[in-house]
């Protein structure tokens, strides 16, 4: 298993292949997942008879700030992986270099933090309790996966350099 992970991670892909992978990922994370969150939470709210927290101006402003901030942080992270790390967030096209420059110097998982902000922003715009709960559950699952799987892979791939980075950089909550 260890050899397979290292072999797959060592393969470098062309910029064109990485852009194609990012385009597919964008469709999923920016279209399909938000649509599923919107439709699923509407059904859950109705089924569970949950009230909406609707204050149109507040929902729009706070939600838009979360969406914009989350999206920008996630895109900055992807850009850093693409340019500095010569890889993508797609596990099959892993970075070739450990990225420790901003935004990765602020926290080890800025893309995840950005995605959480983005999806919580959508939940706020919707005014949906179930959407917020779905984002919370999805976030816990994703962060658990990162801790248990991705961090082990990073330690395997980058060794002591990752260990030192891990000691000085917080997991999720940024330190500027």
N, C-alpha and C. Protein backbone atom coordinates (compact mmCIF):
# COMPACT_ATOMS: atom_id res chain seq x y z
N UNK A 1 0.82 -1.19 0.00
CA UNK A 1 0.00 0.00 0.00
C UNK A 1 0.87 1.26 0.00
N UNK A 2 1.88 1.26 0.86
CA UNK A 2 2.80 2.40 0.97
C UNK A 2 3.47 2.68 -0.37
N UNK A 3 3.94 1.65 -1.04
CA UNK A 3 4.61 1.82 -2.33
C UNK A 3 3.65 2.35 -3.39
N UNK A 4 2.41 1.88 -3.35
CA UNK A 4 1.40 2.32 -4.31
C UNK A 4 1.11 3.81 -4.13
N UNK A 5 0.98 4.24 -2.88
CA UNK A 5 0.72 5.66 -2.59
C UNK A 5 1.88 6.51 -3.09
N UNK A 6 3.10 6.09 -2.78
CA UNK A 6 4.28 6.86 -3.20
C UNK A 6 4.42 6.89 -4.72
N UNK A 7 4.13 5.77 -5.37
CA UNK A 7 4.23 5.72 -6.83
C UNK A 7 3.20 6.64 -7.48
N UNK A 8 1.98 6.59 -7.00
CA UNK A 8 0.93 7.43 -7.57
C UNK A 8 1.23 8.91 -7.32
N UNK A 9 1.67 9.23 -6.12
CA UNK A 9 1.94 10.63 -5.77
C UNK A 9 3.14 11.19 -6.53
N UNK A 10 4.06 10.34 -6.93
CA UNK A 10 5.26 10.80 -7.63
C UNK A 10 5.00 11.14 -9.09
N UNK A 11 3.88 10.68 -9.62
CA UNK A 11 3.58 10.94 -11.03
C UNK A 11 3.18 12.40 -11.21
N UNK A 12 3.90 13.09 -12.08
CA UNK A 12 3.59 14.49 -12.35
C UNK A 12 2.77 14.58 -13.63
N UNK A 13 1.74 15.40 -13.58
CA UNK A 13 0.84 15.58 -14.72
C UNK A 13 1.08 16.93 -15.37
N UNK A 14 0.76 17.03 -16.64
CA UNK A 14 0.92 18.28 -17.38
C UNK A 14 -0.08 19.32 -16.85
N UNK A 15 0.23 20.58 -17.06
CA UNK A 15 -0.73 21.62 -16.67
C UNK A 15 -2.11 21.42 -17.31
N UNK A 16 -2.14 20.98 -18.56
CA UNK A 16 -3.42 20.76 -19.25
C UNK A 16 -4.23 19.67 -18.54
N UNK A 17 -3.59 18.58 -18.15
CA UNK A 17 -4.29 17.50 -17.44
C UNK A 17 -4.78 17.98 -16.08
N UNK A 18 -3.97 18.79 -15.40
CA UNK A 18 -4.36 19.31 -14.09
C UNK A 18 -5.54 20.27 -14.22
N UNK A 19 -5.54 21.10 -15.27
CA UNK A 19 -6.66 22.01 -15.49
C UNK A 19 -7.94 21.23 -15.77
N UNK A 20 -7.84 20.17 -16.55
CA UNK A 20 -9.02 19.34 -16.84
C UNK A 20 -9.57 18.73 -15.56
N UNK A 21 -8.68 18.24 -14.70
CA UNK A 21 -9.12 17.67 -13.42
C UNK A 21 -9.79 18.73 -12.55
N UNK A 22 -9.21 19.93 -12.53
CA UNK A 22 -9.79 21.01 -11.74
C UNK A 22 -11.15 21.44 -12.28
N UNK A 23 -11.32 21.40 -13.59
CA UNK A 23 -12.61 21.76 -14.19
C UNK A 23 -13.70 20.78 -13.75
N UNK A 24 -13.37 19.49 -13.77
CA UNK A 24 -14.34 18.49 -13.31
C UNK A 24 -14.64 18.66 -11.83
N UNK A 25 -13.61 18.93 -11.06
CA UNK A 25 -13.79 19.14 -9.63
C UNK A 25 -14.66 20.37 -9.38
N UNK A 26 -14.47 21.42 -10.16
CA UNK A 26 -15.25 22.65 -10.01
C UNK A 26 -16.74 22.38 -10.26
N UNK A 27 -17.05 21.58 -11.27
CA UNK A 27 -18.45 21.24 -11.54
C UNK A 27 -19.06 20.57 -10.32
N UNK A 28 -18.33 19.65 -9.72
CA UNK A 28 -18.86 18.94 -8.55
C UNK A 28 -19.02 19.88 -7.36
N UNK A 29 -17.95 20.59 -7.00
CA UNK A 29 -17.95 21.38 -5.76
C UNK A 29 -18.69 22.71 -5.87
N UNK A 30 -18.81 23.26 -7.08
CA UNK A 30 -19.46 24.56 -7.23
C UNK A 30 -20.86 24.49 -7.83
N UNK A 31 -21.22 23.36 -8.41
CA UNK A 31 -22.56 23.22 -8.98
C UNK A 31 -23.37 22.08 -8.34
N UNK A 32 -22.83 20.88 -8.43
CA UNK A 32 -23.58 19.71 -7.97
C UNK A 32 -23.78 19.73 -6.46
N UNK A 33 -22.71 19.91 -5.69
CA UNK A 33 -22.82 19.89 -4.23
C UNK A 33 -23.71 21.01 -3.69
N UNK A 34 -23.55 22.27 -4.15
CA UNK A 34 -24.48 23.30 -3.67
C UNK A 34 -25.94 23.04 -4.06
N UNK A 35 -26.15 22.48 -5.26
CA UNK A 35 -27.53 22.14 -5.67
C UNK A 35 -28.11 21.05 -4.78
N UNK A 36 -27.29 20.05 -4.48
CA UNK A 36 -27.75 18.96 -3.59
C UNK A 36 -28.02 19.50 -2.18
N UNK A 37 -27.17 20.40 -1.69
CA UNK A 37 -27.38 21.00 -0.38
C UNK A 37 -28.68 21.80 -0.35
N UNK A 38 -28.92 22.56 -1.39
CA UNK A 38 -30.14 23.38 -1.47
C UNK A 38 -31.39 22.51 -1.52
N UNK A 39 -31.41 21.53 -2.42
CA UNK A 39 -32.58 20.67 -2.57
C UNK A 39 -32.76 19.77 -1.35
N UNK A 40 -31.67 19.17 -0.89
CA UNK A 40 -31.76 18.26 0.24
C UNK A 40 -32.20 18.95 1.52
N UNK A 41 -31.68 20.15 1.75
CA UNK A 41 -32.06 20.86 2.98
C UNK A 41 -33.51 21.34 2.92
N UNK A 42 -33.97 21.71 1.74
CA UNK A 42 -35.38 22.12 1.62
C UNK A 42 -36.30 20.95 1.97
N UNK A 43 -35.95 19.77 1.48
CA UNK A 43 -36.74 18.57 1.80
C UNK A 43 -36.65 18.21 3.27
N UNK A 44 -35.45 18.28 3.84
CA UNK A 44 -35.26 17.97 5.26
C UNK A 44 -35.99 18.97 6.15
N UNK A 45 -35.89 20.25 5.82
CA UNK A 45 -36.58 21.27 6.62
C UNK A 45 -38.09 21.02 6.62
N UNK A 46 -38.61 20.69 5.47
CA UNK A 46 -40.05 20.41 5.36
C UNK A 46 -40.41 19.12 6.11
N UNK A 47 -39.64 18.07 5.91
CA UNK A 47 -39.92 16.78 6.54
C UNK A 47 -39.83 16.87 8.06
N UNK A 48 -38.83 17.60 8.57
CA UNK A 48 -38.65 17.74 10.01
C UNK A 48 -39.39 18.94 10.59
N UNK A 49 -40.10 19.66 9.75
CA UNK A 49 -40.85 20.86 10.15
C UNK A 49 -39.94 21.86 10.88
N UNK A 50 -38.76 22.07 10.32
CA UNK A 50 -37.82 23.00 10.91
C UNK A 50 -38.12 24.42 10.44
N UNK A 51 -38.03 25.37 11.35
CA UNK A 51 -38.26 26.76 10.93
C UNK A 51 -37.05 27.28 10.14
N UNK A 52 -37.28 28.29 9.36
CA UNK A 52 -36.20 28.95 8.63
C UNK A 52 -35.73 30.14 9.47
N UNK A 53 -34.47 30.47 9.38
CA UNK A 53 -34.01 31.70 9.99
C UNK A 53 -33.82 32.69 8.85
N UNK A 54 -34.91 33.42 8.60
CA UNK A 54 -34.94 34.29 7.43
C UNK A 54 -35.01 35.75 7.85
N UNK A 55 -33.94 36.43 7.58
CA UNK A 55 -33.83 37.87 7.71
C UNK A 55 -33.15 38.29 6.41
N UNK A 56 -33.95 38.56 5.37
CA UNK A 56 -33.41 38.67 4.01
C UNK A 56 -32.11 39.46 3.87
N UNK A 57 -32.04 40.66 4.43
CA UNK A 57 -30.83 41.45 4.27
C UNK A 57 -29.66 40.83 5.02
N UNK A 58 -29.88 40.41 6.26
CA UNK A 58 -28.81 39.79 7.06
C UNK A 58 -28.35 38.48 6.42
N UNK A 59 -29.30 37.64 6.01
CA UNK A 59 -28.94 36.38 5.36
C UNK A 59 -28.10 36.64 4.10
N UNK A 60 -28.53 37.61 3.31
CA UNK A 60 -27.82 37.90 2.06
C UNK A 60 -26.42 38.43 2.34
N UNK A 61 -26.29 39.37 3.27
CA UNK A 61 -24.98 39.97 3.54
C UNK A 61 -24.01 38.99 4.20
N UNK A 62 -24.45 38.36 5.28
CA UNK A 62 -23.57 37.42 5.99
C UNK A 62 -23.25 36.22 5.11
N UNK A 63 -24.27 35.70 4.44
CA UNK A 63 -24.06 34.55 3.55
C UNK A 63 -23.11 34.88 2.41
N UNK A 64 -23.29 36.05 1.79
CA UNK A 64 -22.42 36.45 0.69
C UNK A 64 -20.98 36.63 1.16
N UNK A 65 -20.79 37.18 2.34
CA UNK A 65 -19.43 37.33 2.88
C UNK A 65 -18.78 35.97 3.11
N UNK A 66 -19.53 35.03 3.67
CA UNK A 66 -19.00 33.69 3.90
C UNK A 66 -18.69 32.99 2.58
N UNK A 67 -19.60 33.12 1.62
CA UNK A 67 -19.40 32.48 0.32
C UNK A 67 -18.18 33.07 -0.37
N UNK A 68 -18.10 34.40 -0.43
CA UNK A 68 -16.98 35.05 -1.12
C UNK A 68 -15.66 34.75 -0.42
N UNK A 69 -15.62 34.89 0.90
CA UNK A 69 -14.39 34.62 1.64
C UNK A 69 -13.96 33.18 1.50
N UNK A 70 -14.91 32.27 1.65
CA UNK A 70 -14.60 30.84 1.53
C UNK A 70 -14.11 30.48 0.14
N UNK A 71 -14.79 31.00 -0.87
CA UNK A 71 -14.42 30.71 -2.26
C UNK A 71 -13.03 31.26 -2.57
N UNK A 72 -12.76 32.49 -2.14
CA UNK A 72 -11.45 33.08 -2.41
C UNK A 72 -10.33 32.31 -1.70
N UNK A 73 -10.56 31.90 -0.45
CA UNK A 73 -9.54 31.15 0.29
C UNK A 73 -9.29 29.79 -0.38
N UNK A 74 -10.37 29.13 -0.79
CA UNK A 74 -10.24 27.83 -1.46
C UNK A 74 -9.51 27.98 -2.80
N UNK A 75 -9.88 28.99 -3.58
CA UNK A 75 -9.23 29.19 -4.87
C UNK A 75 -7.75 29.54 -4.72
N UNK A 76 -7.43 30.34 -3.72
CA UNK A 76 -6.03 30.68 -3.44
C UNK A 76 -5.24 29.40 -3.12
N UNK A 77 -5.85 28.52 -2.34
CA UNK A 77 -5.22 27.25 -1.98
C UNK A 77 -4.98 26.38 -3.21
N UNK A 78 -5.97 26.32 -4.06
CA UNK A 78 -5.85 25.51 -5.29
C UNK A 78 -4.77 26.10 -6.19
N UNK A 79 -4.74 27.41 -6.30
CA UNK A 79 -3.71 28.08 -7.11
C UNK A 79 -2.31 27.75 -6.58
N UNK A 80 -2.15 27.78 -5.25
CA UNK A 80 -0.84 27.46 -4.65
C UNK A 80 -0.47 26.00 -4.93
N UNK A 81 -1.43 25.10 -4.82
CA UNK A 81 -1.14 23.70 -5.13
C UNK A 81 -0.75 23.54 -6.60
N UNK A 82 -1.45 24.24 -7.48
CA UNK A 82 -1.22 24.11 -8.91
C UNK A 82 0.15 24.68 -9.31
N UNK A 83 0.48 25.88 -8.80
CA UNK A 83 1.70 26.56 -9.24
C UNK A 83 2.93 26.16 -8.44
N UNK A 84 2.84 26.22 -7.12
CA UNK A 84 4.00 25.92 -6.28
C UNK A 84 4.20 24.41 -6.16
N UNK A 85 3.10 23.70 -5.90
CA UNK A 85 3.19 22.25 -5.67
C UNK A 85 3.15 21.41 -6.92
N UNK A 86 2.80 22.04 -8.07
CA UNK A 86 2.69 21.33 -9.34
C UNK A 86 1.75 20.13 -9.25
N UNK A 87 0.62 20.33 -8.58
CA UNK A 87 -0.38 19.28 -8.45
C UNK A 87 -1.77 19.89 -8.33
N UNK A 88 -2.68 19.11 -7.81
CA UNK A 88 -4.06 19.57 -7.63
C UNK A 88 -4.60 19.00 -6.32
N UNK A 89 -5.79 19.46 -5.92
CA UNK A 89 -6.43 18.85 -4.76
C UNK A 89 -6.94 17.43 -5.06
N UNK A 90 -7.03 17.07 -6.33
CA UNK A 90 -7.47 15.74 -6.72
C UNK A 90 -6.40 14.75 -6.25
N UNK A 91 -6.75 13.81 -5.38
CA UNK A 91 -5.74 12.89 -4.82
C UNK A 91 -4.90 12.16 -5.87
N UNK A 92 -5.47 11.88 -7.02
CA UNK A 92 -4.72 11.17 -8.05
C UNK A 92 -3.68 12.05 -8.73
N UNK A 93 -3.78 13.37 -8.52
CA UNK A 93 -2.82 14.31 -9.10
C UNK A 93 -2.20 15.13 -7.97
N UNK A 94 -1.58 14.43 -7.04
CA UNK A 94 -1.04 15.05 -5.83
C UNK A 94 0.06 16.05 -6.15
N UNK A 95 0.27 16.97 -5.23
CA UNK A 95 1.36 17.93 -5.40
C UNK A 95 2.70 17.20 -5.39
N UNK A 96 3.64 17.78 -6.11
CA UNK A 96 4.97 17.20 -6.21
C UNK A 96 5.91 17.78 -5.16
N UNK A 97 5.48 18.88 -4.57
CA UNK A 97 6.29 19.59 -3.59
C UNK A 97 5.39 19.96 -2.41
N UNK A 98 5.93 19.93 -1.22
CA UNK A 98 5.20 20.35 -0.03
C UNK A 98 4.98 21.85 -0.11
N UNK A 99 3.73 22.27 -0.09
CA UNK A 99 3.39 23.69 -0.18
C UNK A 99 3.22 24.23 1.24
N UNK A 100 4.11 25.16 1.60
CA UNK A 100 4.05 25.75 2.94
C UNK A 100 3.95 27.28 2.86
N UNK A 101 3.83 27.80 1.65
CA UNK A 101 3.66 29.23 1.45
C UNK A 101 2.19 29.59 1.66
N UNK A 102 1.90 30.90 1.84
CA UNK A 102 0.50 31.30 2.02
C UNK A 102 -0.38 30.78 0.89
N UNK A 103 -1.55 30.33 1.19
CA UNK A 103 -2.26 30.34 2.47
C UNK A 103 -1.92 29.15 3.37
N UNK A 104 -1.06 28.26 2.89
CA UNK A 104 -0.70 27.07 3.67
C UNK A 104 0.20 27.38 4.86
N UNK A 105 0.70 28.60 4.96
CA UNK A 105 1.47 28.98 6.14
C UNK A 105 0.54 29.45 7.26
N UNK A 106 -0.71 29.75 6.93
CA UNK A 106 -1.69 30.18 7.93
C UNK A 106 -2.36 29.00 8.62
N UNK A 107 -2.67 27.96 7.85
CA UNK A 107 -3.21 26.71 8.39
C UNK A 107 -2.93 25.61 7.38
N UNK A 108 -2.94 24.37 7.84
CA UNK A 108 -2.59 23.25 6.95
C UNK A 108 -3.70 22.89 5.97
N UNK A 109 -4.91 23.36 6.23
CA UNK A 109 -6.03 22.98 5.39
C UNK A 109 -6.87 24.19 4.97
N UNK A 110 -6.23 25.17 4.30
CA UNK A 110 -6.99 26.36 3.92
C UNK A 110 -8.09 26.10 2.90
N UNK A 111 -7.88 25.12 2.03
CA UNK A 111 -8.91 24.82 1.05
C UNK A 111 -10.16 24.26 1.74
N UNK A 112 -9.95 23.42 2.72
CA UNK A 112 -11.07 22.87 3.49
C UNK A 112 -11.77 23.97 4.26
N UNK A 113 -11.00 24.85 4.88
CA UNK A 113 -11.59 25.97 5.60
C UNK A 113 -12.41 26.84 4.64
N UNK A 114 -11.88 27.08 3.46
CA UNK A 114 -12.62 27.85 2.46
C UNK A 114 -13.90 27.17 2.04
N UNK A 115 -13.84 25.87 1.82
CA UNK A 115 -15.04 25.12 1.42
C UNK A 115 -16.09 25.15 2.52
N UNK A 116 -15.66 24.99 3.76
CA UNK A 116 -16.61 25.04 4.88
C UNK A 116 -17.28 26.41 4.93
N UNK A 117 -16.49 27.48 4.77
CA UNK A 117 -17.06 28.83 4.74
C UNK A 117 -18.05 29.01 3.60
N UNK A 118 -17.69 28.51 2.44
CA UNK A 118 -18.56 28.59 1.26
C UNK A 118 -19.90 27.92 1.51
N UNK A 119 -19.86 26.68 2.01
CA UNK A 119 -21.11 25.94 2.20
C UNK A 119 -21.92 26.46 3.39
N UNK A 120 -21.26 26.94 4.44
CA UNK A 120 -22.01 27.58 5.52
C UNK A 120 -22.67 28.86 5.00
N UNK A 121 -21.99 29.58 4.12
CA UNK A 121 -22.58 30.77 3.51
C UNK A 121 -23.84 30.43 2.74
N UNK A 122 -23.82 29.32 2.01
CA UNK A 122 -25.01 28.89 1.28
C UNK A 122 -26.13 28.58 2.27
N UNK A 123 -25.80 27.88 3.37
CA UNK A 123 -26.81 27.57 4.39
C UNK A 123 -27.41 28.84 4.98
N UNK A 124 -26.58 29.86 5.19
CA UNK A 124 -27.07 31.13 5.74
C UNK A 124 -27.98 31.83 4.74
N UNK A 125 -27.58 31.88 3.48
CA UNK A 125 -28.42 32.49 2.45
C UNK A 125 -29.77 31.78 2.39
N UNK A 126 -29.75 30.45 2.47
CA UNK A 126 -30.99 29.67 2.44
C UNK A 126 -31.82 29.86 3.71
N UNK A 127 -31.16 30.22 4.80
CA UNK A 127 -31.85 30.33 6.08
C UNK A 127 -32.29 28.97 6.60
N UNK A 128 -31.51 27.97 6.32
CA UNK A 128 -31.89 26.59 6.59
C UNK A 128 -31.07 25.96 7.71
N UNK A 129 -31.77 25.53 8.75
CA UNK A 129 -31.12 24.84 9.86
C UNK A 129 -30.55 23.50 9.39
N UNK A 130 -31.33 22.79 8.59
CA UNK A 130 -30.83 21.48 8.15
C UNK A 130 -29.62 21.64 7.22
N UNK A 131 -29.58 22.69 6.41
CA UNK A 131 -28.41 22.90 5.57
C UNK A 131 -27.18 23.16 6.44
N UNK A 132 -27.34 23.96 7.48
CA UNK A 132 -26.22 24.23 8.39
C UNK A 132 -25.78 22.93 9.08
N UNK A 133 -26.72 22.10 9.48
CA UNK A 133 -26.38 20.82 10.11
C UNK A 133 -25.70 19.87 9.13
N UNK A 134 -26.17 19.85 7.89
CA UNK A 134 -25.52 19.02 6.86
C UNK A 134 -24.09 19.48 6.61
N UNK A 135 -23.87 20.79 6.57
CA UNK A 135 -22.52 21.32 6.38
C UNK A 135 -21.65 20.94 7.58
N UNK A 136 -22.21 21.05 8.78
CA UNK A 136 -21.46 20.69 9.98
C UNK A 136 -21.08 19.21 9.97
N UNK A 137 -22.03 18.34 9.66
CA UNK A 137 -21.74 16.90 9.59
C UNK A 137 -20.72 16.58 8.50
N UNK A 138 -20.89 17.19 7.33
CA UNK A 138 -19.94 16.98 6.25
C UNK A 138 -18.55 17.47 6.62
N UNK A 139 -18.48 18.58 7.33
CA UNK A 139 -17.20 19.13 7.76
C UNK A 139 -16.50 18.21 8.74
N UNK A 140 -17.26 17.68 9.70
CA UNK A 140 -16.68 16.75 10.67
C UNK A 140 -16.15 15.51 9.96
N UNK A 141 -16.92 14.99 9.02
CA UNK A 141 -16.49 13.80 8.27
C UNK A 141 -15.22 14.10 7.46
N UNK A 142 -15.20 15.24 6.77
CA UNK A 142 -14.04 15.60 5.96
C UNK A 142 -12.80 15.82 6.82
N UNK A 143 -12.96 16.53 7.93
CA UNK A 143 -11.81 16.79 8.80
C UNK A 143 -11.29 15.50 9.43
N UNK A 144 -12.18 14.59 9.75
CA UNK A 144 -11.76 13.28 10.27
C UNK A 144 -10.96 12.52 9.22
N UNK A 145 -11.42 12.55 7.99
CA UNK A 145 -10.72 11.90 6.89
C UNK A 145 -9.32 12.51 6.71
N UNK A 146 -9.25 13.83 6.74
CA UNK A 146 -7.96 14.50 6.58
C UNK A 146 -7.00 14.08 7.68
N UNK A 147 -7.48 14.06 8.92
CA UNK A 147 -6.63 13.67 10.06
C UNK A 147 -6.15 12.22 9.94
N UNK A 148 -7.07 11.33 9.58
CA UNK A 148 -6.76 9.90 9.59
C UNK A 148 -6.04 9.41 8.34
N UNK A 149 -6.33 10.02 7.19
CA UNK A 149 -5.80 9.50 5.93
C UNK A 149 -4.79 10.46 5.29
N UNK A 150 -5.23 11.67 5.00
CA UNK A 150 -4.37 12.59 4.26
C UNK A 150 -3.11 12.96 5.02
N UNK A 151 -3.23 13.19 6.32
CA UNK A 151 -2.02 13.56 7.08
C UNK A 151 -1.01 12.42 7.12
N UNK A 152 -1.51 11.19 7.19
CA UNK A 152 -0.60 10.03 7.16
C UNK A 152 0.12 9.96 5.82
N UNK A 153 -0.63 10.22 4.74
CA UNK A 153 -0.03 10.21 3.41
C UNK A 153 1.02 11.32 3.27
N UNK A 154 0.72 12.49 3.80
CA UNK A 154 1.67 13.60 3.74
C UNK A 154 2.94 13.27 4.51
N UNK A 155 2.80 12.64 5.68
CA UNK A 155 3.97 12.22 6.46
C UNK A 155 4.80 11.20 5.68
N UNK A 156 4.12 10.31 5.00
CA UNK A 156 4.80 9.29 4.20
C UNK A 156 5.54 9.93 3.03
N UNK A 157 4.89 10.86 2.35
CA UNK A 157 5.47 11.48 1.16
C UNK A 157 6.56 12.50 1.46
N UNK A 158 6.37 13.31 2.51
CA UNK A 158 7.28 14.43 2.73
C UNK A 158 8.11 14.29 4.01
N UNK A 159 7.89 13.23 4.78
CA UNK A 159 8.72 12.92 5.93
C UNK A 159 8.88 14.02 6.95
N UNK A 160 10.12 14.26 7.34
CA UNK A 160 10.44 15.21 8.40
C UNK A 160 9.98 16.63 8.05
N UNK A 161 10.05 16.99 6.78
CA UNK A 161 9.63 18.35 6.37
C UNK A 161 8.16 18.57 6.73
N UNK A 162 7.33 17.55 6.50
CA UNK A 162 5.91 17.67 6.85
C UNK A 162 5.74 17.70 8.37
N UNK A 163 6.50 16.89 9.08
CA UNK A 163 6.42 16.87 10.53
C UNK A 163 6.74 18.23 11.13
N UNK A 164 7.76 18.90 10.62
CA UNK A 164 8.11 20.23 11.09
C UNK A 164 7.03 21.24 10.74
N UNK A 165 6.51 21.16 9.53
CA UNK A 165 5.42 22.03 9.08
C UNK A 165 4.19 21.83 9.98
N UNK A 166 3.90 20.58 10.29
CA UNK A 166 2.74 20.24 11.12
C UNK A 166 2.88 20.83 12.53
N UNK A 167 4.10 20.84 13.06
CA UNK A 167 4.34 21.37 14.41
C UNK A 167 4.11 22.88 14.47
N UNK A 168 4.46 23.59 13.41
CA UNK A 168 4.40 25.05 13.47
C UNK A 168 3.14 25.65 12.84
N UNK A 169 2.31 24.84 12.18
CA UNK A 169 1.15 25.37 11.47
C UNK A 169 -0.13 24.71 11.99
N UNK A 170 -1.11 25.54 12.39
CA UNK A 170 -2.35 24.96 12.91
C UNK A 170 -3.11 24.14 11.86
N UNK A 171 -3.89 23.20 12.34
CA UNK A 171 -4.64 22.28 11.48
C UNK A 171 -5.66 23.02 10.61
N UNK A 172 -6.53 23.84 11.24
CA UNK A 172 -7.63 24.45 10.49
C UNK A 172 -7.82 25.94 10.78
N UNK A 173 -7.77 26.32 12.03
CA UNK A 173 -8.02 27.73 12.38
C UNK A 173 -6.74 28.52 12.11
N UNK A 174 -6.80 29.47 11.18
CA UNK A 174 -5.59 30.17 10.74
C UNK A 174 -4.90 30.98 11.85
N UNK A 175 -3.61 31.06 11.71
CA UNK A 175 -2.79 31.93 12.52
C UNK A 175 -2.05 32.83 11.53
N UNK A 176 -2.37 34.11 11.61
CA UNK A 176 -1.78 35.06 10.65
C UNK A 176 -0.55 35.71 11.25
